[in-house]
């Protein structure tokens, strides 16, 4: 299986890769998201360390059961060779209608077929009021005309 664009990355292809990841995660479809990873992908996400697509799939299903109305924006921070670093923010609410915004960084490494071999995420989150939400598009992919992180001051 291949997943363009392929390394080595340029500014344009790194941005395409980041937007494709953002759109997939905003679908909240674990079956779709895991297609971007190698079968033996290795992750670090907060205090979880899934290995392989099956564990990643389970992680994502659990995540989106508790993180409701999830909306995410990613932005490339740096790239080189087969690696991309992104920063991101996402908003969600829990089942008690408490809202949160998470901020973080991800380091990605890809194989020659464009599949992600490694994903290292560092994430901090804080409670926000419903009135402080910035990501208000309909669930799914962020509209092309919606501001990115830098334009939102995040």
Protein backbone atom coordinates (compact mmCIF):
# COMPACT_ATOMS: atom_id res chain seq x y z
CA UNK A 1 0.00 0.00 0.00
CA UNK A 2 1.16 3.53 -0.75
CA UNK A 3 0.06 6.85 0.71
CA UNK A 4 1.26 9.93 -1.23
CA UNK A 5 2.88 12.33 -0.91
CA UNK A 6 6.12 10.44 -0.42
CA UNK A 7 9.37 11.45 1.27
CA UNK A 8 11.59 13.33 0.98
CA UNK A 9 9.15 16.09 1.88
CA UNK A 10 9.01 19.64 0.58
CA UNK A 11 7.13 22.48 2.26
CA UNK A 12 4.20 21.78 -0.07
CA UNK A 13 4.15 17.99 0.37
CA UNK A 14 4.57 18.25 4.17
CA UNK A 15 1.56 20.61 4.30
CA UNK A 16 -0.43 18.17 2.13
CA UNK A 17 0.47 15.30 4.47
CA UNK A 18 -0.53 17.32 7.55
CA UNK A 19 -3.86 18.37 6.02
CA UNK A 20 -4.63 14.79 4.95
CA UNK A 21 -3.98 13.64 8.53
CA UNK A 22 -6.13 16.45 9.93
CA UNK A 23 -9.02 15.59 7.61
CA UNK A 24 -8.80 11.89 8.44
CA UNK A 25 -8.74 12.51 12.21
CA UNK A 26 -11.65 14.94 11.92
CA UNK A 27 -13.66 12.12 10.34
CA UNK A 28 -13.33 10.25 13.66
CA UNK A 29 -13.29 7.06 11.58
CA UNK A 30 -10.64 4.76 13.05
CA UNK A 31 -10.88 2.44 10.02
CA UNK A 32 -9.95 5.34 7.74
CA UNK A 33 -7.25 6.78 9.99
CA UNK A 34 -5.25 3.55 10.42
CA UNK A 35 -4.80 3.28 6.64
CA UNK A 36 -2.09 5.98 6.92
CA UNK A 37 0.15 3.85 9.18
CA UNK A 38 2.54 0.95 8.66
CA UNK A 39 1.29 -2.38 10.07
CA UNK A 40 3.95 -2.17 12.82
CA UNK A 41 3.61 1.58 13.50
CA UNK A 42 4.88 2.75 16.90
CA UNK A 43 3.16 5.53 18.83
CA UNK A 44 3.60 7.55 21.97
CA UNK A 45 0.45 9.42 22.90
CA UNK A 46 0.38 10.85 26.43
CA UNK A 47 0.65 7.74 28.63
CA UNK A 48 -0.26 5.19 25.93
CA UNK A 49 2.18 3.40 23.64
CA UNK A 50 0.22 1.49 20.99
CA UNK A 51 2.17 -0.64 18.53
CA UNK A 52 0.63 -1.80 15.28
CA UNK A 53 -2.56 -0.83 13.51
CA UNK A 54 -4.79 -3.02 15.68
CA UNK A 55 -3.69 -1.28 18.89
CA UNK A 56 -3.85 2.14 17.21
CA UNK A 57 -7.38 1.38 16.02
CA UNK A 58 -8.45 0.45 19.56
CA UNK A 59 -6.84 3.61 20.92
CA UNK A 60 -8.73 5.80 18.42
CA UNK A 61 -12.08 4.12 19.08
CA UNK A 62 -11.66 4.70 22.84
CA UNK A 63 -10.49 8.29 22.26
CA UNK A 64 -13.49 9.31 20.18
CA UNK A 65 -15.97 7.64 22.53
CA UNK A 66 -14.91 10.05 25.28
CA UNK A 67 -13.88 13.09 23.18
CA UNK A 68 -17.19 14.18 21.69
CA UNK A 69 -17.68 16.84 19.00
CA UNK A 70 -13.96 16.54 18.26
CA UNK A 71 -12.46 19.15 15.91
CA UNK A 72 -8.74 19.34 15.10
CA UNK A 73 -6.34 21.69 13.31
CA UNK A 74 -2.75 20.71 12.43
CA UNK A 75 0.05 22.94 11.15
CA UNK A 76 3.52 21.95 9.92
CA UNK A 77 6.29 23.16 12.19
CA UNK A 78 9.30 21.60 10.45
CA UNK A 79 10.17 18.90 7.92
CA UNK A 80 13.18 17.15 6.48
CA UNK A 81 13.78 13.91 4.63
CA UNK A 82 11.16 11.41 5.80
CA UNK A 83 10.12 13.34 8.92
CA UNK A 84 7.51 16.00 9.64
CA UNK A 85 6.88 17.86 12.89
CA UNK A 86 3.44 19.40 13.39
CA UNK A 87 1.77 21.39 16.08
CA UNK A 88 -1.93 20.98 16.65
CA UNK A 89 -4.92 21.97 18.72
CA UNK A 90 -8.25 20.27 19.09
CA UNK A 91 -11.46 20.97 20.95
CA UNK A 92 -13.96 18.48 22.31
CA UNK A 93 -16.52 18.04 25.03
CA UNK A 94 -17.03 15.20 27.45
CA UNK A 95 -20.32 13.45 28.18
CA UNK A 96 -21.05 16.01 30.93
CA UNK A 97 -20.84 18.85 28.36
CA UNK A 98 -17.53 20.19 29.70
CA UNK A 99 -15.39 21.66 26.89
CA UNK A 100 -11.62 21.27 26.52
CA UNK A 101 -8.88 22.48 24.19
CA UNK A 102 -5.77 20.36 23.77
CA UNK A 103 -2.50 21.73 22.37
CA UNK A 104 0.37 19.57 21.26
CA UNK A 105 3.21 18.61 19.01
CA UNK A 106 3.72 15.49 16.94
CA UNK A 107 6.85 14.09 15.37
CA UNK A 108 6.17 11.81 12.43
CA UNK A 109 8.46 9.43 10.55
CA UNK A 110 7.39 7.85 7.24
CA UNK A 111 8.51 4.88 5.18
CA UNK A 112 9.26 5.13 1.44
CA UNK A 113 5.59 4.33 0.61
CA UNK A 114 4.42 7.40 2.56
CA UNK A 115 3.02 5.41 5.51
CA UNK A 116 3.70 6.64 9.03
CA UNK A 117 6.12 4.39 10.92
CA UNK A 118 6.35 6.44 14.10
CA UNK A 119 4.16 9.04 15.81
CA UNK A 120 5.38 10.76 18.98
CA UNK A 121 2.81 13.11 20.51
CA UNK A 122 3.11 15.49 23.44
CA UNK A 123 -0.23 16.97 24.53
CA UNK A 124 -1.50 19.43 27.13
CA UNK A 125 -5.13 20.29 27.61
CA UNK A 126 -7.17 22.79 29.52
CA UNK A 127 -10.84 23.28 30.23
CA UNK A 128 -12.56 26.04 28.26
CA UNK A 129 -16.02 27.48 28.36
CA UNK A 130 -18.41 26.84 25.50
CA UNK A 131 -18.17 30.56 24.69
CA UNK A 132 -14.36 30.28 24.31
CA UNK A 133 -14.54 27.62 21.60
CA UNK A 134 -12.83 28.58 18.34
CA UNK A 135 -13.49 25.46 16.24
CA UNK A 136 -17.17 25.70 15.34
CA UNK A 137 -17.43 24.22 11.86
CA UNK A 138 -19.84 21.30 11.29
CA UNK A 139 -18.36 17.96 12.33
CA UNK A 140 -15.97 16.58 9.72
CA UNK A 141 -13.16 18.18 7.74
CA UNK A 142 -12.29 21.81 8.52
CA UNK A 143 -13.61 24.08 5.76
CA UNK A 144 -10.92 25.48 3.46
CA UNK A 145 -11.79 29.04 4.51
CA UNK A 146 -11.54 28.37 8.27
CA UNK A 147 -8.49 29.94 9.92
CA UNK A 148 -5.51 27.78 10.86
CA UNK A 149 -3.66 27.78 14.17
CA UNK A 150 -1.38 30.74 13.46
CA UNK A 151 -4.26 32.88 12.18
CA UNK A 152 -6.26 32.02 15.32
CA UNK A 153 -3.35 33.05 17.56
CA UNK A 154 -2.88 29.52 18.82
